[in-house]
Protein backbone atom coordinates (compact mmCIF):
# COMPACT_ATOMS: atom_id res chain seq x y z
CA UNK A 1 0.00 0.00 0.00
CA UNK A 2 1.33 3.39 -0.99
CA UNK A 3 0.65 6.44 1.18
CA UNK A 4 0.86 9.80 -0.52
CA UNK A 5 1.16 12.98 1.51
CA UNK A 6 1.11 16.33 -0.27
CA UNK A 7 0.31 19.96 0.49
CA UNK A 8 -3.40 20.67 0.36
CA UNK A 9 -4.92 22.56 -2.54
CA UNK A 10 -7.71 25.06 -2.10
CA UNK A 11 -9.99 22.61 -3.91
CA UNK A 12 -9.25 20.01 -1.19
CA UNK A 13 -10.66 22.11 1.65
CA UNK A 14 -14.29 20.88 1.55
CA UNK A 15 -13.19 17.24 1.49
CA UNK A 16 -10.63 17.83 4.24
CA UNK A 17 -13.39 19.32 6.37
CA UNK A 18 -15.66 16.33 5.82
CA UNK A 19 -12.86 13.88 6.63
CA UNK A 20 -12.01 15.73 9.83
CA UNK A 21 -15.69 15.98 10.75
CA UNK A 22 -15.96 12.20 10.59
CA UNK A 23 -12.59 11.67 12.26
CA UNK A 24 -13.58 13.81 15.25
CA UNK A 25 -17.11 12.41 15.58
CA UNK A 26 -16.10 10.28 18.60
CA UNK A 27 -13.76 12.86 20.13
CA UNK A 28 -14.76 13.68 23.75
CA UNK A 29 -14.46 17.45 23.33
CA UNK A 30 -16.44 17.48 20.08
CA UNK A 31 -19.05 15.22 21.70
CA UNK A 32 -19.28 17.81 24.48
CA UNK A 33 -19.51 20.70 22.01
CA UNK A 34 -22.00 19.01 19.66
CA UNK A 35 -24.01 16.46 21.69
CA UNK A 36 -26.17 15.25 18.77
CA UNK A 37 -24.51 12.10 17.39
CA UNK A 38 -26.40 12.23 14.11
CA UNK A 39 -25.47 15.78 13.12
CA UNK A 40 -22.01 16.02 14.74
CA UNK A 41 -19.85 15.03 11.72
CA UNK A 42 -21.67 17.44 9.39
CA UNK A 43 -21.73 20.32 11.87
CA UNK A 44 -18.09 19.80 12.83
CA UNK A 45 -17.21 19.95 9.13
CA UNK A 46 -18.65 23.50 8.98
CA UNK A 47 -16.09 24.53 11.61
CA UNK A 48 -13.18 22.69 10.06
CA UNK A 49 -13.79 24.17 6.63
CA UNK A 50 -13.89 27.70 8.03
CA UNK A 51 -10.79 27.23 10.19
CA UNK A 52 -8.80 25.73 7.32
CA UNK A 53 -9.95 28.28 4.75
CA UNK A 54 -9.64 31.46 6.83
CA UNK A 55 -7.08 30.72 9.52
CA UNK A 56 -4.58 28.09 8.38
CA UNK A 57 -4.49 27.51 4.62
CA UNK A 58 -2.72 30.73 3.65
CA UNK A 59 0.20 29.85 5.94
CA UNK A 60 1.02 26.63 4.07
CA UNK A 61 0.40 24.27 6.96
CA UNK A 62 -2.32 22.04 5.49
CA UNK A 63 -1.42 18.54 4.29
CA UNK A 64 -3.53 15.70 2.93
CA UNK A 65 -3.04 11.93 2.75
CA UNK A 66 -4.25 9.99 -0.28
CA UNK A 67 -4.78 6.25 -0.67
CA UNK A 68 -3.78 4.07 -3.62
CA UNK A 69 -6.75 5.33 -5.61
CA UNK A 70 -5.98 8.98 -4.97
CA UNK A 71 -8.86 9.33 -2.50
CA UNK A 72 -8.31 11.86 0.29
CA UNK A 73 -8.52 9.86 3.53
CA UNK A 74 -6.63 12.05 6.02
CA UNK A 75 -5.67 15.62 6.75
CA UNK A 76 -3.36 17.54 9.06
CA UNK A 77 -3.63 21.27 9.71
CA UNK A 78 -0.64 23.12 11.16
CA UNK A 79 0.24 26.71 11.91
CA UNK A 80 3.87 27.75 11.43
CA UNK A 81 5.79 29.58 14.16
CA UNK A 82 4.12 32.83 15.15
CA UNK A 83 0.92 32.14 13.16
CA UNK A 84 -1.21 29.99 15.46
CA UNK A 85 -3.41 32.94 16.47
CA UNK A 86 -4.48 34.79 13.32
CA UNK A 87 -6.30 37.56 15.17
CA UNK A 88 -9.59 39.36 14.82
CA UNK A 89 -10.12 39.34 11.05
CA UNK A 90 -9.86 35.56 10.79
CA UNK A 91 -12.07 35.14 13.86
CA UNK A 92 -14.79 37.26 12.29
CA UNK A 93 -14.68 35.21 9.09
CA UNK A 94 -14.88 31.93 11.02
CA UNK A 95 -17.66 33.07 13.35
CA UNK A 96 -20.70 32.31 11.12
CA UNK A 97 -19.56 28.70 10.68
CA UNK A 98 -18.96 28.37 14.41
CA UNK A 99 -22.44 29.67 15.17
CA UNK A 100 -23.95 27.29 12.63
CA UNK A 101 -22.06 24.32 14.06
CA UNK A 102 -22.20 24.98 17.77
CA UNK A 103 -25.56 26.70 18.20
CA UNK A 104 -26.29 26.91 21.94
CA UNK A 105 -22.75 25.77 22.78
CA UNK A 106 -21.11 28.76 21.13
CA UNK A 107 -20.45 30.61 24.39
CA UNK A 108 -18.89 27.52 26.01
CA UNK A 109 -16.70 27.05 22.95
CA UNK A 110 -15.53 30.66 23.23
CA UNK A 111 -14.53 30.16 26.86
CA UNK A 112 -12.75 26.95 25.90
CA UNK A 113 -10.79 28.72 23.16
CA UNK A 114 -9.79 31.49 25.57
CA UNK A 115 -8.57 28.93 28.12
CA UNK A 116 -6.57 27.06 25.48
CA UNK A 117 -5.01 30.32 24.28
CA UNK A 118 -4.01 31.26 27.84
CA UNK A 119 -2.00 28.02 28.12
CA UNK A 120 -0.52 28.15 24.62
CA UNK A 121 3.31 28.22 24.64
CA UNK A 122 4.98 31.53 23.88
CA UNK A 123 8.11 29.99 22.38
CA UNK A 124 8.00 29.84 18.54
CA UNK A 125 6.78 26.43 17.34
CA UNK A 126 4.76 24.56 14.75
CA UNK A 127 1.23 24.05 16.09
CA UNK A 128 -0.75 20.96 15.09
CA UNK A 129 -4.33 22.24 15.26
CA UNK A 130 -6.08 19.19 13.76
CA UNK A 131 -5.17 15.79 12.39
CA UNK A 132 -7.49 12.96 11.47
CA UNK A 133 -8.22 10.11 9.09
CA UNK A 134 -11.35 8.31 8.03
CA UNK A 135 -12.15 5.30 10.25
CA UNK A 136 -11.59 3.00 7.27
CA UNK A 137 -8.03 4.35 6.94
CA UNK A 138 -6.98 3.99 10.58
CA UNK A 139 -4.10 1.70 11.40
CA UNK A 140 -2.81 1.83 7.82
CA UNK A 141 -0.06 4.43 8.23
CA UNK A 142 -1.83 7.54 6.98
CA UNK A 143 -1.68 9.41 10.28
CA UNK A 144 1.94 8.45 10.75
CA UNK A 145 2.81 9.69 7.27
CA UNK A 146 1.02 12.99 7.87
CA UNK A 147 2.84 13.54 11.17
CA UNK A 148 6.26 12.56 9.88
CA UNK A 149 5.96 14.80 6.85
CA UNK A 150 5.72 17.92 9.00
CA UNK A 151 7.89 16.70 11.90
CA UNK A 152 10.74 16.03 9.48
CA UNK A 153 10.50 19.70 8.55
CA UNK A 154 10.45 20.69 12.23
CA UNK A 155 13.64 18.73 12.80
CA UNK A 156 15.31 20.23 9.74
CA UNK A 157 14.42 23.73 10.96
CA UNK A 158 15.22 22.99 14.60
CA UNK A 159 11.66 23.99 15.48
CA UNK A 160 9.58 22.57 18.35
CA UNK A 161 6.03 21.32 17.79
CA UNK A 162 2.94 21.57 19.98
CA UNK A 163 -0.52 20.05 20.09
CA UNK A 164 -3.43 19.52 22.45
CA UNK A 165 -4.74 15.96 22.54
CA UNK A 166 -8.43 15.87 23.35
CA UNK A 167 -8.56 12.08 23.36
CA UNK A 168 -6.67 10.19 26.09
CA UNK A 169 -6.09 7.17 23.84
CA UNK A 170 -4.11 9.37 21.45
CA UNK A 171 -1.57 10.51 24.04
CA UNK A 172 0.60 7.35 23.78
CA UNK A 173 0.37 7.58 19.99
CA UNK A 174 1.80 11.09 19.96
CA UNK A 175 4.47 10.06 22.46
CA UNK A 176 5.79 7.65 19.84
CA UNK A 177 6.64 10.68 17.72
CA UNK A 178 8.51 12.47 20.50
CA UNK A 179 5.71 14.55 22.02
CA UNK A 180 5.62 14.79 25.81
CA UNK A 181 2.69 15.79 28.02
CA UNK A 182 3.18 19.12 29.74
CA UNK A 183 0.03 19.17 31.87
CA UNK A 184 -3.57 18.04 32.17
CA UNK A 185 -5.88 20.85 31.19
CA UNK A 186 -9.53 21.47 32.02
CA UNK A 187 -10.74 23.93 29.39
CA UNK A 188 -14.36 22.76 29.49
CA UNK A 189 -15.16 23.69 33.12
CA UNK A 190 -15.57 20.14 34.36
CA UNK A 191 -16.12 18.49 30.98
CA UNK A 192 -13.57 16.50 28.93
CA UNK A 193 -9.90 17.17 29.58
CA UNK A 194 -7.10 18.05 27.17
CA UNK A 195 -3.44 17.10 27.30
CA UNK A 196 -1.03 19.71 25.91
CA UNK A 197 2.01 18.04 24.36
CA UNK A 198 5.36 19.53 23.35
CA UNK A 199 7.99 18.07 21.06
CA UNK A 200 11.62 19.18 21.09
CA UNK A 201 13.21 18.92 17.63
CA UNK A 202 15.51 15.99 16.99
C-alpha atoms as a PDB file:
ATOM      1  CA  UNK A   1       0.000   0.000   0.000  1.00  0.00           C
ATOM      2  CA  UNK A   2       1.326   3.392  -0.995  1.00  0.00           C
ATOM      3  CA  UNK A   3       0.650   6.440   1.181  1.00  0.00           C
ATOM      4  CA  UNK A   4       0.864   9.804  -0.523  1.00  0.00           C
ATOM      5  CA  UNK A   5       1.159  12.980   1.510  1.00  0.00           C
ATOM      6  CA  UNK A   6       1.108  16.330  -0.272  1.00  0.00           C
ATOM      7  CA  UNK A   7       0.307  19.963   0.491  1.00  0.00           C
ATOM      8  CA  UNK A   8      -3.397  20.666   0.362  1.00  0.00           C
ATOM      9  CA  UNK A   9      -4.923  22.559  -2.538  1.00  0.00           C
ATOM     10  CA  UNK A  10      -7.714  25.064  -2.101  1.00  0.00           C
ATOM     11  CA  UNK A  11      -9.994  22.611  -3.907  1.00  0.00           C
ATOM     12  CA  UNK A  12      -9.245  20.012  -1.191  1.00  0.00           C
ATOM     13  CA  UNK A  13     -10.658  22.108   1.648  1.00  0.00           C
ATOM     14  CA  UNK A  14     -14.293  20.878   1.554  1.00  0.00           C
ATOM     15  CA  UNK A  15     -13.186  17.235   1.490  1.00  0.00           C
ATOM     16  CA  UNK A  16     -10.626  17.832   4.237  1.00  0.00           C
ATOM     17  CA  UNK A  17     -13.387  19.322   6.373  1.00  0.00           C
ATOM     18  CA  UNK A  18     -15.660  16.327   5.820  1.00  0.00           C
ATOM     19  CA  UNK A  19     -12.860  13.878   6.629  1.00  0.00           C
ATOM     20  CA  UNK A  20     -12.012  15.735   9.825  1.00  0.00           C
ATOM     21  CA  UNK A  21     -15.688  15.979  10.754  1.00  0.00           C
ATOM     22  CA  UNK A  22     -15.965  12.201  10.591  1.00  0.00           C
ATOM     23  CA  UNK A  23     -12.593  11.671  12.263  1.00  0.00           C
ATOM     24  CA  UNK A  24     -13.585  13.809  15.254  1.00  0.00           C
ATOM     25  CA  UNK A  25     -17.108  12.413  15.584  1.00  0.00           C
ATOM     26  CA  UNK A  26     -16.099  10.281  18.602  1.00  0.00           C
ATOM     27  CA  UNK A  27     -13.760  12.860  20.134  1.00  0.00           C
ATOM     28  CA  UNK A  28     -14.765  13.679  23.751  1.00  0.00           C
ATOM     29  CA  UNK A  29     -14.461  17.450  23.330  1.00  0.00           C
ATOM     30  CA  UNK A  30     -16.441  17.475  20.084  1.00  0.00           C
ATOM     31  CA  UNK A  31     -19.050  15.221  21.705  1.00  0.00           C
ATOM     32  CA  UNK A  32     -19.283  17.806  24.478  1.00  0.00           C
ATOM     33  CA  UNK A  33     -19.510  20.704  22.010  1.00  0.00           C
ATOM     34  CA  UNK A  34     -22.005  19.009  19.659  1.00  0.00           C
ATOM     35  CA  UNK A  35     -24.014  16.460  21.688  1.00  0.00           C
ATOM     36  CA  UNK A  36     -26.174  15.251  18.773  1.00  0.00           C
ATOM     37  CA  UNK A  37     -24.506  12.101  17.392  1.00  0.00           C
ATOM     38  CA  UNK A  38     -26.401  12.234  14.112  1.00  0.00           C
ATOM     39  CA  UNK A  39     -25.468  15.776  13.121  1.00  0.00           C
ATOM     40  CA  UNK A  40     -22.012  16.020  14.742  1.00  0.00           C
ATOM     41  CA  UNK A  41     -19.848  15.034  11.719  1.00  0.00           C
ATOM     42  CA  UNK A  42     -21.668  17.438   9.394  1.00  0.00           C
ATOM     43  CA  UNK A  43     -21.728  20.315  11.866  1.00  0.00           C
ATOM     44  CA  UNK A  44     -18.086  19.803  12.829  1.00  0.00           C
ATOM     45  CA  UNK A  45     -17.210  19.945   9.132  1.00  0.00           C
ATOM     46  CA  UNK A  46     -18.650  23.503   8.976  1.00  0.00           C
ATOM     47  CA  UNK A  47     -16.091  24.525  11.611  1.00  0.00           C
ATOM     48  CA  UNK A  48     -13.177  22.689  10.061  1.00  0.00           C
ATOM     49  CA  UNK A  49     -13.795  24.173   6.631  1.00  0.00           C
ATOM     50  CA  UNK A  50     -13.892  27.704   8.030  1.00  0.00           C
ATOM     51  CA  UNK A  51     -10.792  27.229  10.186  1.00  0.00           C
ATOM     52  CA  UNK A  52      -8.796  25.734   7.315  1.00  0.00           C
ATOM     53  CA  UNK A  53      -9.948  28.283   4.747  1.00  0.00           C
ATOM     54  CA  UNK A  54      -9.644  31.460   6.827  1.00  0.00           C
ATOM     55  CA  UNK A  55      -7.083  30.716   9.522  1.00  0.00           C
ATOM     56  CA  UNK A  56      -4.583  28.085   8.380  1.00  0.00           C
ATOM     57  CA  UNK A  57      -4.490  27.513   4.621  1.00  0.00           C
ATOM     58  CA  UNK A  58      -2.717  30.728   3.655  1.00  0.00           C
ATOM     59  CA  UNK A  59       0.201  29.845   5.944  1.00  0.00           C
ATOM     60  CA  UNK A  60       1.018  26.630   4.070  1.00  0.00           C
ATOM     61  CA  UNK A  61       0.398  24.274   6.964  1.00  0.00           C
ATOM     62  CA  UNK A  62      -2.316  22.042   5.490  1.00  0.00           C
ATOM     63  CA  UNK A  63      -1.417  18.545   4.288  1.00  0.00           C
ATOM     64  CA  UNK A  64      -3.530  15.697   2.934  1.00  0.00           C
ATOM     65  CA  UNK A  65      -3.035  11.928   2.752  1.00  0.00           C
ATOM     66  CA  UNK A  66      -4.248   9.995  -0.275  1.00  0.00           C
ATOM     67  CA  UNK A  67      -4.784   6.255  -0.672  1.00  0.00           C
ATOM     68  CA  UNK A  68      -3.781   4.069  -3.624  1.00  0.00           C
ATOM     69  CA  UNK A  69      -6.754   5.332  -5.612  1.00  0.00           C
ATOM     70  CA  UNK A  70      -5.980   8.983  -4.967  1.00  0.00           C
ATOM     71  CA  UNK A  71      -8.855   9.334  -2.499  1.00  0.00           C
ATOM     72  CA  UNK A  72      -8.305  11.860   0.287  1.00  0.00           C
ATOM     73  CA  UNK A  73      -8.520   9.860   3.531  1.00  0.00           C
ATOM     74  CA  UNK A  74      -6.626  12.047   6.018  1.00  0.00           C
ATOM     75  CA  UNK A  75      -5.666  15.618   6.753  1.00  0.00           C
ATOM     76  CA  UNK A  76      -3.359  17.538   9.065  1.00  0.00           C
ATOM     77  CA  UNK A  77      -3.627  21.267   9.705  1.00  0.00           C
ATOM     78  CA  UNK A  78      -0.637  23.118  11.161  1.00  0.00           C
ATOM     79  CA  UNK A  79       0.237  26.714  11.911  1.00  0.00           C
ATOM     80  CA  UNK A  80       3.870  27.754  11.434  1.00  0.00           C
ATOM     81  CA  UNK A  81       5.789  29.580  14.165  1.00  0.00           C
ATOM     82  CA  UNK A  82       4.116  32.831  15.147  1.00  0.00           C
ATOM     83  CA  UNK A  83       0.924  32.137  13.158  1.00  0.00           C
ATOM     84  CA  UNK A  84      -1.215  29.991  15.459  1.00  0.00           C
ATOM     85  CA  UNK A  85      -3.412  32.942  16.465  1.00  0.00           C
ATOM     86  CA  UNK A  86      -4.485  34.786  13.322  1.00  0.00           C
ATOM     87  CA  UNK A  87      -6.304  37.563  15.172  1.00  0.00           C
ATOM     88  CA  UNK A  88      -9.586  39.364  14.821  1.00  0.00           C
ATOM     89  CA  UNK A  89     -10.121  39.340  11.054  1.00  0.00           C
ATOM     90  CA  UNK A  90      -9.857  35.559  10.794  1.00  0.00           C
ATOM     91  CA  UNK A  91     -12.074  35.140  13.861  1.00  0.00           C
ATOM     92  CA  UNK A  92     -14.792  37.258  12.286  1.00  0.00           C
ATOM     93  CA  UNK A  93     -14.679  35.210   9.094  1.00  0.00           C
ATOM     94  CA  UNK A  94     -14.878  31.932  11.023  1.00  0.00           C
ATOM     95  CA  UNK A  95     -17.662  33.068  13.350  1.00  0.00           C
ATOM     96  CA  UNK A  96     -20.701  32.312  11.124  1.00  0.00           C
ATOM     97  CA  UNK A  97     -19.564  28.701  10.682  1.00  0.00           C
ATOM     98  CA  UNK A  98     -18.958  28.371  14.413  1.00  0.00           C
ATOM     99  CA  UNK A  99     -22.436  29.673  15.171  1.00  0.00           C
ATOM    100  CA  UNK A 100     -23.952  27.293  12.632  1.00  0.00           C
ATOM    101  CA  UNK A 101     -22.059  24.316  14.057  1.00  0.00           C
ATOM    102  CA  UNK A 102     -22.201  24.980  17.774  1.00  0.00           C
ATOM    103  CA  UNK A 103     -25.557  26.699  18.205  1.00  0.00           C
ATOM    104  CA  UNK A 104     -26.289  26.915  21.945  1.00  0.00           C
ATOM    105  CA  UNK A 105     -22.752  25.770  22.784  1.00  0.00           C
ATOM    106  CA  UNK A 106     -21.114  28.759  21.132  1.00  0.00           C
ATOM    107  CA  UNK A 107     -20.452  30.612  24.390  1.00  0.00           C
ATOM    108  CA  UNK A 108     -18.894  27.516  26.007  1.00  0.00           C
ATOM    109  CA  UNK A 109     -16.701  27.055  22.946  1.00  0.00           C
ATOM    110  CA  UNK A 110     -15.531  30.659  23.229  1.00  0.00           C
ATOM    111  CA  UNK A 111     -14.531  30.163  26.859  1.00  0.00           C
ATOM    112  CA  UNK A 112     -12.749  26.945  25.899  1.00  0.00           C
ATOM    113  CA  UNK A 113     -10.791  28.716  23.159  1.00  0.00           C
ATOM    114  CA  UNK A 114      -9.787  31.485  25.567  1.00  0.00           C
ATOM    115  CA  UNK A 115      -8.572  28.928  28.123  1.00  0.00           C
ATOM    116  CA  UNK A 116      -6.566  27.058  25.479  1.00  0.00           C
ATOM    117  CA  UNK A 117      -5.008  30.323  24.282  1.00  0.00           C
ATOM    118  CA  UNK A 118      -4.008  31.256  27.838  1.00  0.00           C
ATOM    119  CA  UNK A 119      -2.002  28.025  28.116  1.00  0.00           C
ATOM    120  CA  UNK A 120      -0.524  28.152  24.620  1.00  0.00           C
ATOM    121  CA  UNK A 121       3.311  28.217  24.643  1.00  0.00           C
ATOM    122  CA  UNK A 122       4.981  31.532  23.884  1.00  0.00           C
ATOM    123  CA  UNK A 123       8.114  29.989  22.378  1.00  0.00           C
ATOM    124  CA  UNK A 124       8.004  29.842  18.538  1.00  0.00           C
ATOM    125  CA  UNK A 125       6.784  26.429  17.343  1.00  0.00           C
ATOM    126  CA  UNK A 126       4.760  24.557  14.751  1.00  0.00           C
ATOM    127  CA  UNK A 127       1.230  24.047  16.088  1.00  0.00           C
ATOM    128  CA  UNK A 128      -0.753  20.961  15.088  1.00  0.00           C
ATOM    129  CA  UNK A 129      -4.326  22.238  15.264  1.00  0.00           C
ATOM    130  CA  UNK A 130      -6.083  19.187  13.762  1.00  0.00           C
ATOM    131  CA  UNK A 131      -5.165  15.790  12.388  1.00  0.00           C
ATOM    132  CA  UNK A 132      -7.490  12.962  11.475  1.00  0.00           C
ATOM    133  CA  UNK A 133      -8.224  10.115   9.092  1.00  0.00           C
ATOM    134  CA  UNK A 134     -11.355   8.309   8.032  1.00  0.00           C
ATOM    135  CA  UNK A 135     -12.150   5.297  10.254  1.00  0.00           C
ATOM    136  CA  UNK A 136     -11.588   2.996   7.268  1.00  0.00           C
ATOM    137  CA  UNK A 137      -8.029   4.355   6.943  1.00  0.00           C
ATOM    138  CA  UNK A 138      -6.980   3.994  10.581  1.00  0.00           C
ATOM    139  CA  UNK A 139      -4.103   1.704  11.398  1.00  0.00           C
ATOM    140  CA  UNK A 140      -2.807   1.833   7.821  1.00  0.00           C
ATOM    141  CA  UNK A 141      -0.058   4.426   8.229  1.00  0.00           C
ATOM    142  CA  UNK A 142      -1.828   7.544   6.984  1.00  0.00           C
ATOM    143  CA  UNK A 143      -1.679   9.410  10.283  1.00  0.00           C
ATOM    144  CA  UNK A 144       1.942   8.454  10.747  1.00  0.00           C
ATOM    145  CA  UNK A 145       2.814   9.692   7.266  1.00  0.00           C
ATOM    146  CA  UNK A 146       1.017  12.994   7.875  1.00  0.00           C
ATOM    147  CA  UNK A 147       2.837  13.539  11.166  1.00  0.00           C
ATOM    148  CA  UNK A 148       6.255  12.556   9.883  1.00  0.00           C
ATOM    149  CA  UNK A 149       5.960  14.803   6.846  1.00  0.00           C
ATOM    150  CA  UNK A 150       5.722  17.918   8.998  1.00  0.00           C
ATOM    151  CA  UNK A 151       7.888  16.703  11.899  1.00  0.00           C
ATOM    152  CA  UNK A 152      10.741  16.033   9.483  1.00  0.00           C
ATOM    153  CA  UNK A 153      10.502  19.702   8.551  1.00  0.00           C
ATOM    154  CA  UNK A 154      10.450  20.695  12.232  1.00  0.00           C
ATOM    155  CA  UNK A 155      13.638  18.725  12.796  1.00  0.00           C
ATOM    156  CA  UNK A 156      15.313  20.231   9.737  1.00  0.00           C
ATOM    157  CA  UNK A 157      14.422  23.735  10.957  1.00  0.00           C
ATOM    158  CA  UNK A 158      15.221  22.993  14.602  1.00  0.00           C
ATOM    159  CA  UNK A 159      11.659  23.993  15.483  1.00  0.00           C
ATOM    160  CA  UNK A 160       9.582  22.569  18.348  1.00  0.00           C
ATOM    161  CA  UNK A 161       6.032  21.319  17.790  1.00  0.00           C
ATOM    162  CA  UNK A 162       2.942  21.571  19.978  1.00  0.00           C
ATOM    163  CA  UNK A 163      -0.524  20.048  20.087  1.00  0.00           C
ATOM    164  CA  UNK A 164      -3.434  19.520  22.448  1.00  0.00           C
ATOM    165  CA  UNK A 165      -4.743  15.962  22.544  1.00  0.00           C
ATOM    166  CA  UNK A 166      -8.433  15.871  23.349  1.00  0.00           C
ATOM    167  CA  UNK A 167      -8.562  12.079  23.364  1.00  0.00           C
ATOM    168  CA  UNK A 168      -6.671  10.188  26.095  1.00  0.00           C
ATOM    169  CA  UNK A 169      -6.089   7.173  23.837  1.00  0.00           C
ATOM    170  CA  UNK A 170      -4.112   9.371  21.446  1.00  0.00           C
ATOM    171  CA  UNK A 171      -1.566  10.508  24.044  1.00  0.00           C
ATOM    172  CA  UNK A 172       0.596   7.346  23.784  1.00  0.00           C
ATOM    173  CA  UNK A 173       0.366   7.584  19.991  1.00  0.00           C
ATOM    174  CA  UNK A 174       1.803  11.091  19.961  1.00  0.00           C
ATOM    175  CA  UNK A 175       4.466  10.060  22.465  1.00  0.00           C
ATOM    176  CA  UNK A 176       5.794   7.649  19.843  1.00  0.00           C
ATOM    177  CA  UNK A 177       6.638  10.684  17.717  1.00  0.00           C
ATOM    178  CA  UNK A 178       8.508  12.465  20.498  1.00  0.00           C
ATOM    179  CA  UNK A 179       5.709  14.546  22.019  1.00  0.00           C
ATOM    180  CA  UNK A 180       5.624  14.791  25.808  1.00  0.00           C
ATOM    181  CA  UNK A 181       2.687  15.787  28.021  1.00  0.00           C
ATOM    182  CA  UNK A 182       3.182  19.119  29.736  1.00  0.00           C
ATOM    183  CA  UNK A 183       0.034  19.169  31.873  1.00  0.00           C
ATOM    184  CA  UNK A 184      -3.574  18.039  32.174  1.00  0.00           C
ATOM    185  CA  UNK A 185      -5.878  20.852  31.190  1.00  0.00           C
ATOM    186  CA  UNK A 186      -9.534  21.467  32.023  1.00  0.00           C
ATOM    187  CA  UNK A 187     -10.738  23.934  29.391  1.00  0.00           C
ATOM    188  CA  UNK A 188     -14.360  22.762  29.491  1.00  0.00           C
ATOM    189  CA  UNK A 189     -15.164  23.687  33.119  1.00  0.00           C
ATOM    190  CA  UNK A 190     -15.568  20.138  34.363  1.00  0.00           C
ATOM    191  CA  UNK A 191     -16.115  18.486  30.978  1.00  0.00           C
ATOM    192  CA  UNK A 192     -13.571  16.500  28.933  1.00  0.00           C
ATOM    193  CA  UNK A 193      -9.898  17.173  29.584  1.00  0.00           C
ATOM    194  CA  UNK A 194      -7.097  18.051  27.171  1.00  0.00           C
ATOM    195  CA  UNK A 195      -3.438  17.099  27.295  1.00  0.00           C
ATOM    196  CA  UNK A 196      -1.033  19.713  25.907  1.00  0.00           C
ATOM    197  CA  UNK A 197       2.006  18.039  24.364  1.00  0.00           C
ATOM    198  CA  UNK A 198       5.363  19.526  23.354  1.00  0.00           C
ATOM    199  CA  UNK A 199       7.990  18.070  21.058  1.00  0.00           C
ATOM    200  CA  UNK A 200      11.623  19.179  21.092  1.00  0.00           C
ATOM    201  CA  UNK A 201      13.208  18.919  17.630  1.00  0.00           C
ATOM    202  CA  UNK A 202      15.511  15.990  16.993  1.00  0.00           C
END
